[in-house]
N, C-alpha and C. Protein backbone atom coordinates (compact mmCIF):
# COMPACT_ATOMS: atom_id res chain seq x y z
N PRO A 1 0.81 -1.23 0.00
CA PRO A 1 0.00 0.00 0.00
C PRO A 1 0.84 1.28 0.00
N ASP A 2 1.95 1.27 0.73
CA ASP A 2 2.80 2.46 0.79
C ASP A 2 3.38 2.80 -0.58
N ARG A 3 3.82 1.77 -1.29
CA ARG A 3 4.40 1.99 -2.63
C ARG A 3 3.34 2.53 -3.58
N ILE A 4 2.16 1.96 -3.54
CA ILE A 4 1.06 2.41 -4.41
C ILE A 4 0.68 3.84 -4.06
N GLN A 5 0.56 4.09 -2.77
CA GLN A 5 0.20 5.43 -2.31
C GLN A 5 1.21 6.47 -2.78
N GLU A 6 2.49 6.16 -2.65
CA GLU A 6 3.55 7.09 -3.03
C GLU A 6 3.51 7.38 -4.53
N GLN A 7 3.35 6.34 -5.34
CA GLN A 7 3.37 6.53 -6.79
C GLN A 7 2.11 7.26 -7.27
N LEU A 8 0.98 6.96 -6.67
CA LEU A 8 -0.25 7.65 -7.07
C LEU A 8 -0.19 9.12 -6.65
N ARG A 9 0.35 9.38 -5.48
CA ARG A 9 0.47 10.77 -5.02
C ARG A 9 1.32 11.58 -6.00
N LYS A 10 2.45 11.03 -6.41
CA LYS A 10 3.31 11.72 -7.37
C LYS A 10 2.59 11.91 -8.71
N ALA A 11 1.88 10.88 -9.13
CA ALA A 11 1.17 10.96 -10.42
C ALA A 11 0.11 12.06 -10.40
N ILE A 12 -0.56 12.21 -9.26
CA ILE A 12 -1.59 13.25 -9.14
C ILE A 12 -0.93 14.63 -9.14
N ILE A 13 0.16 14.79 -8.39
CA ILE A 13 0.86 16.07 -8.33
C ILE A 13 1.43 16.45 -9.70
N MET A 14 1.90 15.46 -10.45
CA MET A 14 2.49 15.70 -11.76
C MET A 14 1.44 15.85 -12.86
N GLY A 15 0.16 15.68 -12.50
CA GLY A 15 -0.91 15.89 -13.47
C GLY A 15 -1.23 14.70 -14.34
N LYS A 16 -0.65 13.53 -14.03
CA LYS A 16 -1.00 12.33 -14.81
C LYS A 16 -2.44 11.92 -14.54
N TYR A 17 -2.90 12.20 -13.35
CA TYR A 17 -4.31 12.05 -13.00
C TYR A 17 -4.85 13.45 -12.76
N ARG A 18 -5.92 13.80 -13.46
CA ARG A 18 -6.46 15.15 -13.37
C ARG A 18 -7.74 15.17 -12.54
N LYS A 19 -8.13 16.37 -12.17
CA LYS A 19 -9.33 16.56 -11.39
C LYS A 19 -10.53 15.90 -12.08
N GLY A 20 -11.25 15.05 -11.34
CA GLY A 20 -12.43 14.40 -11.87
C GLY A 20 -12.18 13.03 -12.49
N ASP A 21 -10.88 12.68 -12.68
CA ASP A 21 -10.58 11.35 -13.22
C ASP A 21 -11.07 10.28 -12.25
N LYS A 22 -11.72 9.26 -12.81
CA LYS A 22 -12.25 8.17 -11.98
C LYS A 22 -11.13 7.21 -11.60
N ILE A 23 -11.19 6.70 -10.40
CA ILE A 23 -10.22 5.75 -9.88
C ILE A 23 -10.90 4.39 -9.73
N ILE A 24 -10.38 3.40 -10.43
CA ILE A 24 -10.97 2.06 -10.40
C ILE A 24 -9.98 1.10 -9.75
N GLU A 25 -10.37 0.53 -8.63
CA GLU A 25 -9.47 -0.32 -7.85
C GLU A 25 -8.92 -1.48 -8.67
N LEU A 26 -9.75 -2.14 -9.44
CA LEU A 26 -9.32 -3.31 -10.20
C LEU A 26 -8.25 -2.94 -11.21
N ASP A 27 -8.44 -1.80 -11.90
CA ASP A 27 -7.45 -1.35 -12.88
C ASP A 27 -6.10 -1.06 -12.21
N LEU A 28 -6.15 -0.42 -11.05
CA LEU A 28 -4.91 -0.11 -10.34
C LEU A 28 -4.24 -1.37 -9.81
N ALA A 29 -5.04 -2.34 -9.37
CA ALA A 29 -4.47 -3.60 -8.87
C ALA A 29 -3.70 -4.31 -9.99
N GLU A 30 -4.26 -4.28 -11.20
CA GLU A 30 -3.57 -4.89 -12.34
C GLU A 30 -2.32 -4.10 -12.71
N GLU A 31 -2.42 -2.76 -12.66
CA GLU A 31 -1.29 -1.91 -13.04
C GLU A 31 -0.11 -2.10 -12.09
N PHE A 32 -0.39 -2.22 -10.80
CA PHE A 32 0.68 -2.33 -9.80
C PHE A 32 1.01 -3.77 -9.44
N GLY A 33 0.27 -4.72 -10.00
CA GLY A 33 0.50 -6.11 -9.65
C GLY A 33 0.27 -6.36 -8.18
N ALA A 34 -0.80 -5.76 -7.65
CA ALA A 34 -1.09 -5.82 -6.21
C ALA A 34 -2.51 -6.29 -5.99
N SER A 35 -2.82 -6.61 -4.75
CA SER A 35 -4.18 -7.02 -4.40
C SER A 35 -5.09 -5.78 -4.33
N ARG A 36 -6.38 -6.01 -4.48
CA ARG A 36 -7.32 -4.90 -4.37
C ARG A 36 -7.31 -4.34 -2.95
N GLY A 37 -7.02 -5.20 -1.96
CA GLY A 37 -6.94 -4.73 -0.58
C GLY A 37 -5.82 -3.71 -0.39
N SER A 38 -4.66 -3.98 -1.03
CA SER A 38 -3.55 -3.05 -0.95
C SER A 38 -3.89 -1.73 -1.63
N VAL A 39 -4.54 -1.82 -2.78
CA VAL A 39 -4.96 -0.62 -3.51
C VAL A 39 -5.96 0.17 -2.68
N ARG A 40 -6.90 -0.53 -2.06
CA ARG A 40 -7.92 0.14 -1.26
C ARG A 40 -7.29 0.87 -0.07
N SER A 41 -6.32 0.23 0.56
CA SER A 41 -5.63 0.88 1.68
C SER A 41 -4.91 2.14 1.24
N ALA A 42 -4.25 2.06 0.08
CA ALA A 42 -3.54 3.22 -0.46
C ALA A 42 -4.51 4.35 -0.77
N LEU A 43 -5.65 4.01 -1.35
CA LEU A 43 -6.65 5.03 -1.71
C LEU A 43 -7.26 5.67 -0.48
N GLN A 44 -7.46 4.88 0.58
CA GLN A 44 -7.99 5.44 1.82
C GLN A 44 -7.02 6.46 2.41
N ALA A 45 -5.72 6.15 2.33
CA ALA A 45 -4.71 7.09 2.84
C ALA A 45 -4.70 8.36 1.99
N LEU A 46 -4.80 8.22 0.67
CA LEU A 46 -4.81 9.39 -0.21
C LEU A 46 -6.08 10.21 -0.02
N GLU A 47 -7.17 9.55 0.34
CA GLU A 47 -8.41 10.28 0.64
C GLU A 47 -8.21 11.14 1.88
N SER A 48 -7.53 10.60 2.88
CA SER A 48 -7.28 11.37 4.11
C SER A 48 -6.36 12.56 3.86
N GLU A 49 -5.55 12.48 2.80
CA GLU A 49 -4.66 13.58 2.42
C GLU A 49 -5.37 14.61 1.55
N GLY A 50 -6.59 14.30 1.10
CA GLY A 50 -7.33 15.21 0.24
C GLY A 50 -7.02 15.07 -1.22
N MET A 51 -6.33 14.00 -1.61
CA MET A 51 -5.98 13.78 -3.01
C MET A 51 -7.12 13.11 -3.79
N ILE A 52 -7.90 12.31 -3.08
CA ILE A 52 -8.99 11.54 -3.69
C ILE A 52 -10.24 11.73 -2.85
N ARG A 53 -11.41 11.69 -3.50
CA ARG A 53 -12.65 11.75 -2.73
C ARG A 53 -13.56 10.62 -3.15
N VAL A 54 -14.40 10.21 -2.21
CA VAL A 54 -15.39 9.16 -2.46
C VAL A 54 -16.73 9.82 -2.74
N LEU A 55 -17.34 9.47 -3.87
CA LEU A 55 -18.62 10.03 -4.26
C LEU A 55 -19.76 9.33 -3.52
N PRO A 56 -20.95 9.93 -3.50
CA PRO A 56 -22.09 9.31 -2.82
C PRO A 56 -22.40 7.89 -3.30
N ASN A 57 -22.07 7.59 -4.56
CA ASN A 57 -22.33 6.25 -5.09
C ASN A 57 -21.21 5.26 -4.76
N GLY A 58 -20.21 5.72 -3.99
CA GLY A 58 -19.12 4.84 -3.58
C GLY A 58 -17.92 4.86 -4.51
N ARG A 59 -18.07 5.43 -5.69
CA ARG A 59 -16.95 5.51 -6.61
C ARG A 59 -15.96 6.58 -6.17
N LYS A 60 -14.74 6.46 -6.66
CA LYS A 60 -13.68 7.37 -6.25
C LYS A 60 -13.20 8.18 -7.44
N GLU A 61 -12.85 9.44 -7.18
CA GLU A 61 -12.30 10.29 -8.22
C GLU A 61 -11.19 11.16 -7.66
N VAL A 62 -10.35 11.65 -8.57
CA VAL A 62 -9.22 12.49 -8.19
C VAL A 62 -9.71 13.91 -7.89
N VAL A 63 -9.25 14.44 -6.78
CA VAL A 63 -9.58 15.83 -6.42
C VAL A 63 -8.77 16.78 -7.29
N GLY A 64 -7.53 16.38 -7.59
CA GLY A 64 -6.65 17.21 -8.40
C GLY A 64 -5.65 17.95 -7.53
N PHE A 65 -4.48 18.25 -8.10
CA PHE A 65 -3.45 18.97 -7.36
C PHE A 65 -2.72 19.87 -8.35
N GLY A 66 -2.99 21.16 -8.23
CA GLY A 66 -2.36 22.11 -9.12
C GLY A 66 -1.65 23.21 -8.36
N LYS A 67 -1.45 24.36 -9.03
CA LYS A 67 -0.72 25.47 -8.43
C LYS A 67 -1.39 25.94 -7.13
N LYS A 68 -2.72 26.03 -7.13
CA LYS A 68 -3.42 26.50 -5.93
C LYS A 68 -3.22 25.54 -4.76
N GLU A 69 -3.34 24.25 -5.04
CA GLU A 69 -3.18 23.26 -3.96
C GLU A 69 -1.76 23.27 -3.40
N ALA A 70 -0.77 23.42 -4.30
CA ALA A 70 0.62 23.50 -3.84
C ALA A 70 0.82 24.73 -2.98
N HIS A 71 0.29 25.86 -3.44
CA HIS A 71 0.40 27.11 -2.67
C HIS A 71 -0.25 26.95 -1.30
N ASP A 72 -1.45 26.37 -1.27
CA ASP A 72 -2.15 26.18 0.00
C ASP A 72 -1.36 25.29 0.95
N MET A 73 -0.71 24.26 0.40
CA MET A 73 0.07 23.34 1.22
C MET A 73 1.27 24.06 1.84
N TYR A 74 1.98 24.83 1.02
CA TYR A 74 3.13 25.57 1.54
C TYR A 74 2.69 26.67 2.52
N GLU A 75 1.57 27.30 2.23
CA GLU A 75 1.08 28.34 3.13
C GLU A 75 0.71 27.75 4.49
N LEU A 76 0.08 26.57 4.48
CA LEU A 76 -0.25 25.90 5.73
C LEU A 76 1.01 25.56 6.52
N ARG A 77 1.99 25.05 5.80
CA ARG A 77 3.27 24.70 6.44
C ARG A 77 3.90 25.95 7.07
N TRP A 78 3.91 27.06 6.35
CA TRP A 78 4.48 28.30 6.86
C TRP A 78 3.76 28.77 8.12
N ARG A 79 2.44 28.75 8.09
CA ARG A 79 1.67 29.24 9.23
C ARG A 79 1.88 28.36 10.47
N ILE A 80 1.93 27.04 10.26
CA ILE A 80 2.13 26.13 11.39
C ILE A 80 3.52 26.32 11.99
N GLU A 81 4.55 26.40 11.16
CA GLU A 81 5.91 26.54 11.66
C GLU A 81 6.13 27.89 12.33
N LYS A 82 5.56 28.93 11.75
CA LYS A 82 5.64 30.27 12.37
C LYS A 82 4.98 30.24 13.74
N TYR A 83 3.80 29.65 13.81
CA TYR A 83 3.07 29.60 15.08
C TYR A 83 3.82 28.74 16.11
N ALA A 84 4.46 27.68 15.64
CA ALA A 84 5.23 26.82 16.55
C ALA A 84 6.35 27.61 17.22
N VAL A 85 7.03 28.45 16.45
CA VAL A 85 8.09 29.28 17.02
C VAL A 85 7.50 30.27 18.02
N GLU A 86 6.38 30.88 17.66
CA GLU A 86 5.73 31.85 18.55
C GLU A 86 5.33 31.19 19.87
N VAL A 87 4.74 30.01 19.79
CA VAL A 87 4.32 29.29 20.99
C VAL A 87 5.52 28.94 21.86
N ALA A 88 6.57 28.45 21.22
CA ALA A 88 7.78 28.06 21.97
C ALA A 88 8.36 29.24 22.73
N TRP A 89 8.45 30.39 22.06
CA TRP A 89 9.03 31.57 22.71
C TRP A 89 8.11 32.13 23.79
N GLU A 90 6.82 32.10 23.51
CA GLU A 90 5.86 32.68 24.47
C GLU A 90 5.80 31.86 25.76
N HIS A 91 5.74 30.54 25.60
CA HIS A 91 5.59 29.67 26.77
C HIS A 91 6.92 29.11 27.27
N LYS A 92 7.99 29.48 26.57
CA LYS A 92 9.33 29.02 26.95
C LYS A 92 9.42 27.50 27.06
N THR A 93 8.70 26.82 26.16
CA THR A 93 8.77 25.35 26.13
C THR A 93 10.10 24.92 25.51
N MET A 94 10.33 25.34 24.31
CA MET A 94 11.62 25.22 23.62
C MET A 94 12.32 23.87 23.81
N ASN A 95 11.74 22.86 23.23
CA ASN A 95 12.33 21.52 23.25
C ASN A 95 13.30 21.41 22.08
N PHE A 96 14.55 21.81 22.30
CA PHE A 96 15.53 21.90 21.22
C PHE A 96 16.18 20.57 20.86
N ALA A 97 16.06 19.57 21.72
CA ALA A 97 16.80 18.32 21.53
C ALA A 97 16.55 17.67 20.16
N PRO A 98 15.28 17.49 19.72
CA PRO A 98 15.05 16.87 18.40
C PRO A 98 15.63 17.69 17.26
N LEU A 99 15.55 19.01 17.37
CA LEU A 99 16.06 19.89 16.32
C LEU A 99 17.57 19.76 16.20
N LEU A 100 18.26 19.76 17.33
CA LEU A 100 19.72 19.66 17.32
C LEU A 100 20.18 18.27 16.87
N ALA A 101 19.39 17.25 17.22
CA ALA A 101 19.75 15.89 16.82
C ALA A 101 19.71 15.74 15.30
N VAL A 102 18.67 16.29 14.66
CA VAL A 102 18.57 16.22 13.20
C VAL A 102 19.66 17.07 12.56
N LEU A 103 19.95 18.22 13.14
CA LEU A 103 21.00 19.09 12.60
C LEU A 103 22.35 18.39 12.63
N ARG A 104 22.65 17.67 13.72
CA ARG A 104 23.91 16.92 13.80
C ARG A 104 23.97 15.84 12.73
N GLU A 105 22.83 15.21 12.47
CA GLU A 105 22.79 14.18 11.44
C GLU A 105 23.02 14.80 10.05
N ILE A 106 22.45 15.98 9.83
CA ILE A 106 22.66 16.68 8.56
C ILE A 106 24.14 17.01 8.38
N GLU A 107 24.76 17.53 9.43
CA GLU A 107 26.18 17.88 9.37
C GLU A 107 27.03 16.65 9.04
N GLN A 108 26.68 15.52 9.65
CA GLN A 108 27.43 14.29 9.40
C GLN A 108 27.28 13.83 7.96
N CYS A 109 26.06 13.91 7.42
CA CYS A 109 25.82 13.49 6.04
C CYS A 109 26.55 14.38 5.05
N VAL A 110 26.61 15.68 5.35
CA VAL A 110 27.34 16.61 4.48
C VAL A 110 28.83 16.30 4.50
N GLN A 111 29.36 16.03 5.69
CA GLN A 111 30.79 15.73 5.82
C GLN A 111 31.15 14.43 5.10
N GLU A 112 30.30 13.43 5.23
CA GLU A 112 30.59 12.12 4.63
C GLU A 112 30.26 12.07 3.15
N GLN A 113 29.41 13.01 2.70
CA GLN A 113 28.99 13.05 1.29
C GLN A 113 28.50 11.69 0.81
N ASP A 114 27.63 11.11 1.62
CA ASP A 114 27.07 9.79 1.32
C ASP A 114 26.03 9.91 0.21
N SER A 115 26.26 9.22 -0.90
CA SER A 115 25.34 9.29 -2.04
C SER A 115 23.98 8.66 -1.74
N GLU A 116 23.91 7.88 -0.67
CA GLU A 116 22.66 7.21 -0.31
C GLU A 116 21.79 8.05 0.63
N THR A 117 22.26 9.23 0.98
CA THR A 117 21.51 10.07 1.91
C THR A 117 20.16 10.45 1.34
N ASP A 118 19.11 10.29 2.14
CA ASP A 118 17.77 10.71 1.75
C ASP A 118 17.58 12.15 2.24
N TRP A 119 17.95 13.11 1.40
CA TRP A 119 17.90 14.51 1.79
C TRP A 119 16.48 14.98 2.06
N TYR A 120 15.52 14.40 1.33
CA TYR A 120 14.12 14.82 1.51
C TYR A 120 13.63 14.39 2.89
N ASP A 121 14.02 13.20 3.31
CA ASP A 121 13.64 12.71 4.63
C ASP A 121 14.28 13.59 5.71
N LEU A 122 15.54 13.95 5.54
CA LEU A 122 16.20 14.83 6.50
C LEU A 122 15.52 16.19 6.55
N ASP A 123 15.12 16.70 5.40
CA ASP A 123 14.43 17.99 5.32
C ASP A 123 13.12 17.93 6.11
N ILE A 124 12.34 16.89 5.83
CA ILE A 124 11.06 16.73 6.52
C ILE A 124 11.27 16.58 8.02
N ARG A 125 12.24 15.78 8.42
CA ARG A 125 12.49 15.54 9.84
C ARG A 125 12.98 16.80 10.55
N PHE A 126 13.74 17.63 9.85
CA PHE A 126 14.19 18.89 10.45
C PHE A 126 13.00 19.78 10.77
N HIS A 127 12.11 19.95 9.80
CA HIS A 127 10.97 20.83 10.00
C HIS A 127 9.96 20.23 10.98
N HIS A 128 9.90 18.90 11.02
CA HIS A 128 9.09 18.22 12.04
C HIS A 128 9.64 18.55 13.43
N ALA A 129 10.96 18.50 13.55
CA ALA A 129 11.60 18.83 14.83
C ALA A 129 11.42 20.30 15.18
N LEU A 130 11.38 21.15 14.16
CA LEU A 130 11.14 22.58 14.39
C LEU A 130 9.79 22.78 15.08
N VAL A 131 8.78 22.06 14.61
CA VAL A 131 7.45 22.18 15.22
C VAL A 131 7.44 21.57 16.62
N GLN A 132 8.26 20.55 16.84
CA GLN A 132 8.35 19.93 18.17
C GLN A 132 8.86 20.90 19.22
N VAL A 133 9.57 21.94 18.79
CA VAL A 133 10.09 22.94 19.72
C VAL A 133 8.95 23.54 20.56
N ALA A 134 7.77 23.63 19.97
CA ALA A 134 6.62 24.23 20.67
C ALA A 134 6.05 23.31 21.74
N ASP A 135 6.39 22.02 21.69
CA ASP A 135 5.88 21.05 22.67
C ASP A 135 4.35 21.07 22.70
N SER A 136 3.75 21.04 21.50
CA SER A 136 2.30 21.07 21.38
C SER A 136 1.85 19.90 20.51
N ALA A 137 1.19 18.91 21.11
CA ALA A 137 0.75 17.74 20.37
C ALA A 137 -0.24 18.08 19.25
N PRO A 138 -1.25 18.94 19.48
CA PRO A 138 -2.18 19.29 18.40
C PRO A 138 -1.49 19.98 17.23
N LEU A 139 -0.55 20.87 17.54
CA LEU A 139 0.17 21.59 16.48
C LEU A 139 1.02 20.62 15.67
N LEU A 140 1.68 19.69 16.35
CA LEU A 140 2.52 18.70 15.67
C LEU A 140 1.67 17.80 14.78
N LYS A 141 0.50 17.40 15.28
CA LYS A 141 -0.39 16.54 14.49
C LYS A 141 -0.86 17.26 13.23
N ALA A 142 -1.16 18.54 13.35
CA ALA A 142 -1.59 19.33 12.18
C ALA A 142 -0.49 19.37 11.13
N TRP A 143 0.77 19.52 11.58
CA TRP A 143 1.89 19.56 10.63
C TRP A 143 2.10 18.20 9.98
N GLU A 144 1.96 17.13 10.76
CA GLU A 144 2.22 15.78 10.25
C GLU A 144 1.30 15.40 9.09
N ILE A 145 0.12 16.01 9.03
CA ILE A 145 -0.81 15.73 7.93
C ILE A 145 -0.19 16.11 6.59
N THR A 146 0.69 17.12 6.59
CA THR A 146 1.29 17.59 5.34
C THR A 146 2.52 16.79 4.92
N MET A 147 3.04 15.94 5.82
CA MET A 147 4.34 15.30 5.58
C MET A 147 4.43 14.51 4.27
N PRO A 148 3.49 13.60 3.96
CA PRO A 148 3.65 12.83 2.72
C PRO A 148 3.65 13.69 1.45
N THR A 149 2.76 14.69 1.42
CA THR A 149 2.71 15.56 0.24
C THR A 149 3.96 16.41 0.14
N MET A 150 4.45 16.90 1.28
CA MET A 150 5.65 17.72 1.26
C MET A 150 6.85 16.91 0.79
N TYR A 151 6.94 15.66 1.21
CA TYR A 151 8.05 14.80 0.76
C TYR A 151 8.00 14.66 -0.76
N ALA A 152 6.81 14.39 -1.29
CA ALA A 152 6.66 14.24 -2.74
C ALA A 152 7.05 15.52 -3.48
N LEU A 153 6.66 16.67 -2.93
CA LEU A 153 6.99 17.95 -3.56
C LEU A 153 8.50 18.20 -3.52
N LEU A 154 9.13 17.89 -2.40
CA LEU A 154 10.59 18.07 -2.30
C LEU A 154 11.31 17.20 -3.33
N GLU A 155 10.85 15.96 -3.46
CA GLU A 155 11.46 15.06 -4.43
C GLU A 155 11.29 15.57 -5.85
N LEU A 156 10.11 16.06 -6.16
CA LEU A 156 9.84 16.60 -7.49
C LEU A 156 10.64 17.88 -7.73
N ASN A 157 10.81 18.68 -6.67
CA ASN A 157 11.55 19.94 -6.82
C ASN A 157 12.97 19.73 -7.31
N THR A 158 13.55 18.58 -6.99
CA THR A 158 14.94 18.31 -7.38
C THR A 158 15.03 17.37 -8.58
N SER A 159 13.91 17.17 -9.27
CA SER A 159 13.90 16.20 -10.36
C SER A 159 14.37 16.79 -11.69
N ILE A 160 14.54 18.11 -11.77
CA ILE A 160 14.95 18.71 -13.04
C ILE A 160 16.39 19.24 -12.96
N ASP A 161 16.58 20.39 -12.30
CA ASP A 161 17.93 20.98 -12.33
C ASP A 161 18.30 21.65 -11.01
N TYR A 162 17.66 21.26 -9.92
CA TYR A 162 17.85 21.97 -8.67
C TYR A 162 18.55 21.14 -7.60
N LYS A 163 18.75 19.84 -7.82
CA LYS A 163 19.22 18.97 -6.75
C LYS A 163 20.60 19.35 -6.23
N ALA A 164 21.54 19.64 -7.11
CA ALA A 164 22.90 19.98 -6.68
C ALA A 164 22.89 21.22 -5.80
N GLN A 165 22.14 22.24 -6.21
CA GLN A 165 22.05 23.48 -5.42
C GLN A 165 21.35 23.21 -4.09
N TYR A 166 20.31 22.39 -4.15
CA TYR A 166 19.54 22.03 -2.95
C TYR A 166 20.45 21.40 -1.89
N ILE A 167 21.29 20.44 -2.30
CA ILE A 167 22.19 19.76 -1.36
C ILE A 167 23.28 20.71 -0.87
N GLU A 168 23.81 21.53 -1.79
CA GLU A 168 24.88 22.45 -1.43
C GLU A 168 24.44 23.45 -0.36
N GLU A 169 23.18 23.91 -0.45
CA GLU A 169 22.67 24.93 0.48
C GLU A 169 22.01 24.32 1.71
N PHE A 170 21.86 23.01 1.72
CA PHE A 170 21.04 22.33 2.71
C PHE A 170 21.48 22.63 4.15
N LEU A 171 22.75 22.38 4.46
CA LEU A 171 23.23 22.57 5.83
C LEU A 171 23.18 24.04 6.23
N PHE A 172 23.65 24.92 5.36
CA PHE A 172 23.70 26.35 5.68
C PHE A 172 22.32 26.89 6.04
N LYS A 173 21.33 26.56 5.22
CA LYS A 173 19.98 27.09 5.45
C LYS A 173 19.37 26.56 6.74
N HIS A 174 19.49 25.26 6.96
CA HIS A 174 18.84 24.67 8.13
C HIS A 174 19.58 24.99 9.43
N LYS A 175 20.89 25.17 9.34
CA LYS A 175 21.65 25.57 10.52
C LYS A 175 21.28 27.00 10.92
N ALA A 176 21.12 27.87 9.93
CA ALA A 176 20.74 29.25 10.21
C ALA A 176 19.37 29.32 10.87
N ILE A 177 18.44 28.51 10.38
CA ILE A 177 17.09 28.49 10.96
C ILE A 177 17.13 28.03 12.41
N SER A 178 17.86 26.96 12.69
CA SER A 178 17.91 26.43 14.05
C SER A 178 18.57 27.44 15.00
N GLU A 179 19.64 28.11 14.55
CA GLU A 179 20.32 29.09 15.40
C GLU A 179 19.42 30.26 15.74
N MET A 180 18.63 30.71 14.77
CA MET A 180 17.71 31.83 15.01
C MET A 180 16.64 31.45 16.02
N ILE A 181 16.14 30.22 15.93
CA ILE A 181 15.12 29.78 16.88
C ILE A 181 15.70 29.70 18.29
N ILE A 182 16.88 29.14 18.40
CA ILE A 182 17.50 28.95 19.71
C ILE A 182 17.88 30.28 20.36
N THR A 183 18.34 31.24 19.56
CA THR A 183 18.78 32.53 20.11
C THR A 183 17.66 33.54 20.22
N GLY A 184 16.48 33.20 19.72
CA GLY A 184 15.35 34.13 19.82
C GLY A 184 15.41 35.27 18.82
N ASP A 185 16.04 35.04 17.69
CA ASP A 185 16.17 36.06 16.64
C ASP A 185 14.86 36.15 15.87
N GLU A 186 14.19 37.30 15.96
CA GLU A 186 12.88 37.45 15.33
C GLU A 186 12.95 37.51 13.81
N GLN A 187 14.14 37.60 13.25
CA GLN A 187 14.27 37.53 11.79
C GLN A 187 13.92 36.13 11.28
N ILE A 188 13.77 35.19 12.19
CA ILE A 188 13.41 33.82 11.80
C ILE A 188 12.15 33.79 10.97
N TYR A 189 11.20 34.69 11.26
CA TYR A 189 9.94 34.68 10.52
C TYR A 189 10.16 35.02 9.05
N ASP A 190 11.00 36.01 8.79
CA ASP A 190 11.31 36.38 7.40
C ASP A 190 12.08 35.26 6.70
N VAL A 191 13.03 34.67 7.43
CA VAL A 191 13.85 33.60 6.84
C VAL A 191 13.00 32.37 6.53
N LEU A 192 12.13 31.99 7.47
CA LEU A 192 11.24 30.85 7.25
C LEU A 192 10.30 31.10 6.08
N LYS A 193 9.76 32.33 6.02
CA LYS A 193 8.84 32.68 4.94
C LYS A 193 9.54 32.55 3.58
N GLU A 194 10.76 33.10 3.49
CA GLU A 194 11.52 33.03 2.23
C GLU A 194 11.86 31.57 1.89
N HIS A 195 12.25 30.80 2.91
CA HIS A 195 12.60 29.39 2.74
C HIS A 195 11.44 28.61 2.12
N ILE A 196 10.25 28.83 2.63
CA ILE A 196 9.08 28.08 2.17
C ILE A 196 8.54 28.65 0.87
N THR A 197 8.59 29.97 0.71
CA THR A 197 8.12 30.60 -0.53
C THR A 197 8.98 30.18 -1.72
N THR A 198 10.28 30.07 -1.50
CA THR A 198 11.19 29.63 -2.56
C THR A 198 10.86 28.20 -2.99
N ALA A 199 10.61 27.33 -2.02
CA ALA A 199 10.25 25.95 -2.33
C ALA A 199 8.94 25.90 -3.11
N ASN A 200 8.00 26.76 -2.74
CA ASN A 200 6.73 26.82 -3.46
C ASN A 200 6.93 27.23 -4.92
N ALA A 201 7.77 28.23 -5.14
CA ALA A 201 8.03 28.70 -6.50
C ALA A 201 8.66 27.61 -7.35
N ILE A 202 9.58 26.85 -6.76
CA ILE A 202 10.22 25.75 -7.48
C ILE A 202 9.19 24.67 -7.81
N SER A 203 8.32 24.36 -6.87
CA SER A 203 7.27 23.36 -7.11
C SER A 203 6.38 23.76 -8.27
N GLU A 204 6.01 25.03 -8.31
CA GLU A 204 5.15 25.50 -9.40
C GLU A 204 5.85 25.34 -10.76
N ARG A 205 7.15 25.65 -10.77
CA ARG A 205 7.91 25.53 -12.03
C ARG A 205 8.01 24.07 -12.46
N VAL A 206 8.27 23.18 -11.50
CA VAL A 206 8.40 21.76 -11.83
C VAL A 206 7.06 21.18 -12.26
N MET A 207 5.99 21.55 -11.58
CA MET A 207 4.67 21.04 -11.95
C MET A 207 4.28 21.52 -13.34
N ALA A 208 4.65 22.75 -13.69
CA ALA A 208 4.37 23.27 -15.02
C ALA A 208 5.17 22.52 -16.08
N HIS A 209 6.36 22.09 -15.70
CA HIS A 209 7.21 21.32 -16.63
C HIS A 209 6.57 19.97 -16.96
N PHE A 210 6.05 19.31 -15.95
CA PHE A 210 5.44 18.00 -16.16
C PHE A 210 4.02 18.09 -16.72
N ASN A 211 3.37 19.22 -16.44
CA ASN A 211 1.97 19.36 -16.84
C ASN A 211 1.76 20.74 -17.47
N PRO A 212 2.34 20.97 -18.67
CA PRO A 212 2.28 22.29 -19.30
C PRO A 212 0.86 22.67 -19.69
């Protein structure tokens, strides 16, 4: 189910499945060489992400994912992360341990230059740890809803001509963000906004490339 879910999510984001396209479990089971149960589980997960909806007659169709949906996803991420920093500073919760642990792992991967490094996973885990700084379970749960789609967008963002630059800037950008949070530098809001807005712009360009 995870493999099917991942591939269908990418296909929807890339426009291979468009808004209103019908989803037939049997056809997907044959395409993926999987059981209908596995396909059904994957579709249920994608429904919870808002990628697919179930019609009153029980049939399933694609909700669609375009420029607006990508913008909304990044905007949600920005608002949650901004609020997490605000909550952490206001209530002085500031659980820095997860953030520093991921940052150390990033530094190690950069030093070792391991070709097997999953940079997208590290990126997601860093921002997940950023939200953990607020020590708020509801806020963290809200952010976690975006994780699968954000991973897919990050992967797509580096699928054309951005991966080398992405890796080169990876440590510098995330180290700067963590230092600003820890030291209470209010410029963090501008830096976070630019960080996420830039990713959104790249996603729009890549989606337009695959779905002109």
